[in-house]
Amino acid sequence: MKAYILKRILHMIPTFFGITFLTFLIIQLAPGNPILMKLQFTAEGQISDTATTKQIIEETKRLYGLDKPLPVQYLMWLKRVVMLDFGKSYKDHRDVWEKIKERLPVTLQLNVLSFLLIYVIAIPAGVFSAVKSGSKWDRFLTILFFALYSLPSFWVAVILIMLFGGGEYWDLFPVYGISSLQADQWPFWKWFLDRMWHLVLPVFCLSYGGWAYLSRLMRSELLEVIREDYIRTARAKGLEERVVIMKHALRNALLPIVTLAAYLLPALFGGSVIIESIFSIPGMGQLGFEAVLSRDYPVIMALTTISALLTLIGLVLSDILYALLDPRIKLE
């Protein structure tokens, strides 16, 4: 196990550098100039000739190191990253890591609740559908989840705001931000309940799409496992159906679910651009979207680098979970 983990970590190093190099190159080749976008614009959206001279542009390029060749820029950025320094934002000249630390707790709260809701509902629903395969309940859950899966999240968010956010019907849930005004001055439990109340609609919009995919995956894998010979043997020994399913079949059926764990870490970090924008949630998704619009290269590279690293770590963790769930799998 230790040798395998060490080998995988060594394999991660060139993969990580390859991802960062390709990302850096693609971002640099994208249309738009961060220097020109940073300078003053007129009301018509055109750059003012009086405000932007060649000297100002050249001085700004030297300030951010954009006057150097691309390989030199990449090596300078890589040197800073090795020292855990993601540089300064082009947009407001703030430290990139400080901006990430401000947004990350909000995104983690939103996405952790969403993933818990997905797994708590989807996996039991998939197991129930497999056990009751072909029944009315199985068909009902299939139709329900796929109907939800077909609905765009932005459309559902707008409908929920109209229905429950003080639109034309009920005013039950807040639809702006993640806390009420002056909530930081409240006692902890009052603040906590207020935060959960603000997250009800965004968490639902992030969760319902995963119910169909994960529950159907769980159902198909469990149906395949319960047809195996060792399941027939367990039933022939007189074990209860609950014991056969939960102790013998479910463990092996969870292997494909573990594969998805490799993408949980970057998903927790990345956030959702659409949902965070609709509900005005200051999370990582909104930060990344704003960075792309303003060509804020340091922020974009920081988000991409951390997401790539978390993906590689997630792949290693999923391999280890494979071996823990099924001892027949040899990591080597």
Protein backbone atom coordinates (compact mmCIF):
# COMPACT_ATOMS: atom_id res chain seq x y z
CA MET A 1 0.00 0.00 0.00
CA LYS A 2 2.73 2.50 0.97
CA ALA A 3 4.72 1.72 -2.18
CA TYR A 4 1.64 2.19 -4.34
CA ILE A 5 0.74 5.53 -2.74
CA LEU A 6 4.32 6.77 -3.18
CA LYS A 7 4.30 5.69 -6.82
CA ARG A 8 1.02 7.47 -7.47
CA ILE A 9 2.30 10.65 -5.82
CA LEU A 10 5.37 10.56 -8.06
CA HIS A 11 3.11 10.10 -11.10
CA MET A 12 1.04 13.09 -9.99
CA ILE A 13 3.99 15.48 -10.29
CA PRO A 14 4.44 15.45 -14.11
CA THR A 15 0.66 15.27 -14.59
CA PHE A 16 0.19 18.31 -12.39
CA PHE A 17 2.82 20.34 -14.23
CA GLY A 18 1.37 19.30 -17.58
CA ILE A 19 -2.10 20.47 -16.54
CA THR A 20 -0.80 23.81 -15.28
CA PHE A 21 1.25 24.41 -18.45
CA LEU A 22 -1.67 23.66 -20.80
CA THR A 23 -4.00 25.82 -18.70
CA PHE A 24 -1.52 28.69 -18.69
CA LEU A 25 -1.08 28.44 -22.46
CA ILE A 26 -4.83 28.31 -23.18
CA ILE A 27 -5.53 31.29 -20.93
CA GLN A 28 -2.80 33.35 -22.59
CA LEU A 29 -4.16 32.53 -26.06
CA ALA A 30 -7.72 33.51 -25.10
CA PRO A 31 -8.99 36.77 -26.65
CA GLY A 32 -8.96 39.86 -24.47
CA ASN A 33 -6.21 41.84 -22.79
CA PRO A 34 -6.25 42.17 -18.98
CA ILE A 35 -4.30 45.43 -19.17
CA LEU A 36 -6.74 47.14 -21.49
CA MET A 37 -9.70 45.81 -19.50
CA LYS A 38 -8.19 47.16 -16.30
CA LEU A 39 -7.85 50.67 -17.69
CA GLN A 40 -10.66 53.19 -17.93
CA PHE A 41 -13.56 52.70 -20.31
CA THR A 42 -15.92 55.25 -21.75
CA ALA A 43 -19.69 55.00 -21.43
CA GLU A 44 -19.90 53.54 -24.95
CA GLY A 45 -17.64 50.65 -23.91
CA GLN A 46 -14.67 51.88 -25.97
CA ILE A 47 -11.27 52.62 -24.47
CA SER A 48 -10.67 56.31 -24.02
CA ASP A 49 -7.71 57.62 -26.06
CA THR A 50 -6.89 60.23 -23.43
CA ALA A 51 -6.74 57.69 -20.63
CA THR A 52 -4.72 54.99 -22.33
CA THR A 53 -1.39 55.82 -23.85
CA LYS A 54 1.31 53.50 -24.96
CA GLN A 55 3.44 54.45 -21.97
CA ILE A 56 0.68 53.57 -19.46
CA ILE A 57 0.13 50.20 -21.13
CA GLU A 58 3.84 49.37 -21.14
CA GLU A 59 4.25 50.40 -17.48
CA THR A 60 1.26 48.28 -16.48
CA LYS A 61 2.68 45.29 -18.38
CA ARG A 62 5.99 45.65 -16.56
CA LEU A 63 4.14 45.90 -13.23
CA TYR A 64 2.45 42.53 -13.76
CA GLY A 65 5.32 40.88 -15.66
CA LEU A 66 3.31 40.64 -18.90
CA ASP A 67 6.12 42.16 -20.95
CA LYS A 68 8.16 38.96 -20.72
CA PRO A 69 7.91 35.94 -23.08
CA LEU A 70 5.30 33.31 -22.22
CA PRO A 71 7.83 30.63 -21.09
CA VAL A 72 9.41 33.13 -18.71
CA GLN A 73 5.99 34.15 -17.38
CA TYR A 74 5.10 30.50 -16.76
CA LEU A 75 8.37 29.77 -14.95
CA MET A 76 7.93 32.88 -12.79
CA TRP A 77 4.38 31.79 -11.92
CA LEU A 78 5.52 28.21 -11.23
CA LYS A 79 8.23 29.45 -8.88
CA ARG A 80 5.65 31.40 -6.88
CA VAL A 81 3.25 28.45 -6.75
CA VAL A 82 5.94 26.16 -5.36
CA MET A 83 6.30 28.72 -2.56
CA LEU A 84 2.46 28.70 -2.12
CA ASP A 85 2.18 32.22 -3.53
CA PHE A 86 -0.51 32.70 -6.20
CA GLY A 87 0.36 36.36 -6.73
CA LYS A 88 -1.80 39.46 -6.84
CA SER A 89 -5.11 39.87 -8.60
CA TYR A 90 -5.05 42.04 -11.72
CA LYS A 91 -8.53 43.31 -10.92
CA ASP A 92 -7.98 44.85 -7.48
CA HIS A 93 -4.32 44.00 -6.72
CA ARG A 94 -5.34 41.94 -3.68
CA ASP A 95 -3.61 38.73 -2.71
CA VAL A 96 -5.26 35.87 -4.64
CA TRP A 97 -5.14 33.47 -1.71
CA GLU A 98 -6.92 36.00 0.50
CA LYS A 99 -9.74 36.27 -2.03
CA ILE A 100 -10.03 32.47 -2.17
CA LYS A 101 -10.13 32.20 1.63
CA GLU A 102 -13.02 34.66 1.73
CA ARG A 103 -15.13 32.70 -0.77
CA LEU A 104 -14.18 29.10 0.04
CA PRO A 105 -16.17 28.70 3.32
CA VAL A 106 -19.36 29.82 1.57
CA THR A 107 -18.89 27.35 -1.28
CA LEU A 108 -18.04 24.53 1.12
CA GLN A 109 -21.23 25.11 3.11
CA LEU A 110 -23.32 25.10 -0.05
CA ASN A 111 -21.71 22.09 -1.71
CA VAL A 112 -21.27 19.89 1.36
CA LEU A 113 -24.98 20.17 2.11
CA SER A 114 -25.76 19.48 -1.55
CA PHE A 115 -23.61 16.34 -1.72
CA LEU A 116 -25.02 15.03 1.55
CA LEU A 117 -28.54 15.53 0.25
CA ILE A 118 -27.70 13.78 -3.03
CA TYR A 119 -26.15 10.71 -1.43
CA VAL A 120 -28.66 10.44 1.43
CA ILE A 121 -31.56 10.37 -1.03
CA ALA A 122 -30.09 8.78 -4.17
CA ILE A 123 -28.37 5.71 -2.71
CA PRO A 124 -31.33 4.47 -0.61
CA ALA A 125 -33.64 5.20 -3.55
CA GLY A 126 -31.38 3.19 -5.86
CA VAL A 127 -31.24 0.27 -3.44
CA PHE A 128 -35.02 0.34 -3.01
CA SER A 129 -35.56 0.41 -6.79
CA ALA A 130 -33.22 -2.55 -7.27
CA VAL A 131 -34.91 -4.60 -4.57
CA LYS A 132 -38.35 -3.70 -5.98
CA SER A 133 -37.23 -3.96 -9.61
CA GLY A 134 -40.16 -3.88 -12.04
CA SER A 135 -42.66 -2.80 -9.42
CA LYS A 136 -44.84 0.31 -9.48
CA TRP A 137 -42.55 2.00 -6.97
CA ASP A 138 -39.54 1.35 -9.20
CA ARG A 139 -41.27 2.87 -12.23
CA PHE A 140 -42.51 5.81 -10.17
CA LEU A 141 -39.04 6.66 -8.86
CA THR A 142 -37.54 6.29 -12.33
CA ILE A 143 -40.06 8.69 -13.88
CA LEU A 144 -39.79 11.16 -10.98
CA PHE A 145 -36.01 11.36 -10.94
CA PHE A 146 -35.62 11.60 -14.69
CA ALA A 147 -38.29 14.28 -14.82
CA LEU A 148 -36.29 16.28 -12.29
CA TYR A 149 -33.04 15.54 -14.15
CA SER A 150 -34.47 17.02 -17.36
CA LEU A 151 -35.24 20.39 -15.73
CA PRO A 152 -32.50 23.06 -16.13
CA SER A 153 -31.22 24.31 -12.80
CA PHE A 154 -31.53 27.99 -13.72
CA TRP A 155 -35.18 27.50 -14.71
CA VAL A 156 -35.94 25.63 -11.48
CA ALA A 157 -34.21 28.40 -9.50
CA VAL A 158 -36.38 31.08 -11.12
CA ILE A 159 -39.56 29.04 -10.53
CA LEU A 160 -38.65 28.48 -6.87
CA ILE A 161 -38.00 32.19 -6.41
CA MET A 162 -41.39 33.00 -7.93
CA LEU A 163 -43.19 30.41 -5.80
CA PHE A 164 -41.42 30.62 -2.45
CA GLY A 165 -39.31 33.77 -2.54
CA GLY A 166 -41.90 36.51 -2.37
CA GLY A 167 -42.80 36.51 -6.05
CA GLU A 168 -46.43 35.94 -6.95
CA TYR A 169 -47.23 33.37 -4.26
CA TRP A 170 -45.51 32.61 -0.91
CA ASP A 171 -42.72 34.51 0.79
CA LEU A 172 -41.15 31.59 2.67
CA PHE A 173 -37.44 31.59 1.82
CA PRO A 174 -34.87 34.35 1.31
CA VAL A 175 -33.48 34.50 -2.22
CA TYR A 176 -30.51 36.85 -1.80
CA GLY A 177 -27.17 36.11 -0.13
CA ILE A 178 -26.49 33.57 2.60
CA SER A 179 -27.33 35.53 5.76
CA SER A 180 -29.63 38.26 6.94
CA LEU A 181 -28.35 41.74 7.69
CA GLN A 182 -26.50 41.97 11.02
CA ALA A 183 -26.67 38.17 11.38
CA ASP A 184 -23.07 38.15 12.62
CA GLN A 185 -24.24 39.88 15.79
CA TRP A 186 -26.82 37.19 16.61
CA PRO A 187 -26.31 34.20 18.93
CA PHE A 188 -24.83 31.15 17.24
CA TRP A 189 -28.01 29.07 16.99
CA LYS A 190 -30.03 31.96 15.58
CA TRP A 191 -27.26 32.67 13.08
CA PHE A 192 -27.05 28.96 12.16
CA LEU A 193 -30.79 28.62 11.54
CA ASP A 194 -30.78 31.81 9.48
CA ARG A 195 -27.89 30.48 7.36
CA MET A 196 -29.64 27.13 6.78
CA TRP A 197 -32.85 28.94 5.84
CA HIS A 198 -30.97 30.97 3.22
CA LEU A 199 -29.41 27.82 1.75
CA VAL A 200 -32.62 25.80 1.30
CA LEU A 201 -33.39 26.88 -2.27
CA PRO A 202 -29.77 26.95 -3.57
CA VAL A 203 -29.01 23.52 -2.09
CA PHE A 204 -32.13 22.02 -3.64
CA CYS A 205 -31.21 23.46 -7.06
CA LEU A 206 -27.74 21.92 -6.78
CA SER A 207 -29.02 18.55 -5.57
CA TYR A 208 -32.03 17.40 -7.56
CA GLY A 209 -30.08 16.76 -10.78
CA GLY A 210 -27.79 14.27 -9.03
CA TRP A 211 -30.63 12.17 -7.68
CA ALA A 212 -31.49 10.62 -11.06
CA TYR A 213 -27.91 9.84 -12.10
CA LEU A 214 -26.71 8.44 -8.80
CA SER A 215 -29.88 6.49 -7.98
CA ARG A 216 -29.98 4.86 -11.43
CA LEU A 217 -26.29 4.00 -11.18
CA MET A 218 -26.84 2.48 -7.76
CA ARG A 219 -29.84 0.51 -9.04
CA SER A 220 -28.07 -0.92 -12.09
CA GLU A 221 -24.95 -1.91 -10.16
CA LEU A 222 -26.94 -3.57 -7.37
CA LEU A 223 -29.07 -5.49 -9.88
CA GLU A 224 -25.90 -6.78 -11.49
CA VAL A 225 -24.38 -7.82 -8.16
CA ILE A 226 -27.45 -9.65 -6.81
CA ARG A 227 -27.34 -11.94 -9.86
CA GLU A 228 -23.89 -13.21 -8.87
CA ASP A 229 -23.39 -16.76 -7.59
CA TYR A 230 -22.25 -15.77 -4.11
CA ILE A 231 -25.53 -13.88 -3.58
CA ARG A 232 -27.48 -17.02 -4.54
CA THR A 233 -25.31 -18.96 -2.11
CA ALA A 234 -26.03 -16.46 0.68
CA ARG A 235 -29.75 -16.78 0.06
CA ALA A 236 -29.51 -20.57 -0.08
CA LYS A 237 -27.89 -20.52 3.36
CA GLY A 238 -31.10 -19.02 4.71
CA LEU A 239 -29.86 -15.49 5.38
CA GLU A 240 -32.45 -12.75 5.57
CA GLU A 241 -32.89 -10.69 2.44
CA ARG A 242 -31.92 -7.54 4.34
CA VAL A 243 -28.62 -9.14 5.40
CA VAL A 244 -27.93 -10.38 1.88
CA ILE A 245 -28.48 -6.96 0.35
CA MET A 246 -26.85 -4.75 2.98
CA LYS A 247 -23.92 -6.95 3.99
CA HIS A 248 -23.01 -8.88 0.84
CA ALA A 249 -24.39 -7.10 -2.23
CA LEU A 250 -24.25 -3.41 -1.35
CA ARG A 251 -20.55 -3.38 -0.58
CA ASN A 252 -19.56 -4.47 -4.07
CA ALA A 253 -22.24 -2.36 -5.72
CA LEU A 254 -20.71 0.75 -4.15
CA LEU A 255 -17.49 0.47 -6.19
CA PRO A 256 -18.73 2.64 -9.11
CA ILE A 257 -20.06 5.14 -6.58
CA VAL A 258 -16.56 5.39 -5.13
CA THR A 259 -15.30 6.37 -8.57
CA LEU A 260 -17.33 9.56 -8.28
CA ALA A 261 -15.48 10.38 -5.06
CA ALA A 262 -12.48 11.39 -7.17
CA TYR A 263 -14.43 14.41 -8.36
CA LEU A 264 -15.97 15.42 -5.04
CA LEU A 265 -12.97 17.43 -3.86
CA PRO A 266 -12.69 19.69 -6.94
CA ALA A 267 -16.48 20.00 -7.07
CA LEU A 268 -16.54 21.14 -3.43
CA PHE A 269 -13.89 23.73 -4.26
CA GLY A 270 -15.24 24.92 -7.60
CA GLY A 271 -18.77 25.93 -6.70
CA SER A 272 -21.61 26.62 -9.11
CA VAL A 273 -21.52 29.68 -11.34
CA ILE A 274 -25.22 29.62 -12.27
CA ILE A 275 -26.73 29.01 -8.84
CA GLU A 276 -24.36 31.37 -7.04
CA SER A 277 -25.13 34.10 -9.57
CA ILE A 278 -28.92 33.66 -9.39
CA PHE A 279 -29.01 33.69 -5.58
CA SER A 280 -26.20 36.29 -5.24
CA ILE A 281 -24.02 33.95 -3.22
CA PRO A 282 -20.38 35.13 -2.93
CA GLY A 283 -18.76 31.75 -3.55
CA MET A 284 -15.96 30.26 -5.63
CA GLY A 285 -18.10 29.88 -8.73
CA GLN A 286 -18.87 33.58 -8.78
CA LEU A 287 -15.21 34.40 -8.16
CA GLY A 288 -14.10 32.25 -11.11
CA PHE A 289 -16.74 33.75 -13.40
CA GLU A 290 -15.73 37.29 -12.52
CA ALA A 291 -12.05 36.39 -13.05
CA VAL A 292 -12.76 35.06 -16.54
CA LEU A 293 -14.73 38.17 -17.51
CA SER A 294 -11.95 40.48 -16.32
CA ARG A 295 -9.11 38.25 -17.63
CA ASP A 296 -7.72 38.04 -14.11
CA TYR A 297 -5.01 35.48 -14.93
CA PRO A 298 -3.63 34.94 -11.39
CA VAL A 299 -7.09 34.09 -10.02
CA ILE A 300 -7.93 31.80 -12.96
CA MET A 301 -4.62 29.97 -12.66
CA ALA A 302 -5.00 29.62 -8.89
CA LEU A 303 -8.48 28.11 -9.19
CA THR A 304 -7.41 25.76 -11.99
CA THR A 305 -4.27 24.67 -10.17
CA ILE A 306 -6.05 23.88 -6.92
CA SER A 307 -8.85 22.06 -8.77
CA ALA A 308 -6.31 19.95 -10.70
CA LEU A 309 -4.45 19.06 -7.52
CA LEU A 310 -7.66 18.10 -5.73
CA THR A 311 -8.69 15.92 -8.69
CA LEU A 312 -5.39 14.02 -8.61
CA ILE A 313 -5.69 13.55 -4.84
CA GLY A 314 -9.27 12.35 -5.29
CA LEU A 315 -8.16 9.71 -7.81
CA VAL A 316 -5.65 8.31 -5.33
CA LEU A 317 -8.24 8.27 -2.55
CA SER A 318 -10.76 6.45 -4.77
CA ASP A 319 -8.19 3.76 -5.57
CA ILE A 320 -7.54 3.25 -1.86
CA LEU A 321 -11.28 3.03 -1.18
CA TYR A 322 -11.53 0.35 -3.87
CA ALA A 323 -9.15 -1.86 -1.93
CA LEU A 324 -10.92 -1.21 1.36
CA LEU A 325 -14.34 -2.12 -0.06
CA ASP A 326 -13.14 -5.17 -2.01
CA PRO A 327 -10.00 -6.95 -0.72
CA ARG A 328 -9.79 -8.83 -4.03
CA ILE A 329 -8.64 -5.59 -5.72
CA LYS A 330 -4.87 -5.30 -5.63
CA LEU A 331 -3.58 -1.77 -5.86
CA GLU A 332 -0.36 -2.90 -7.46
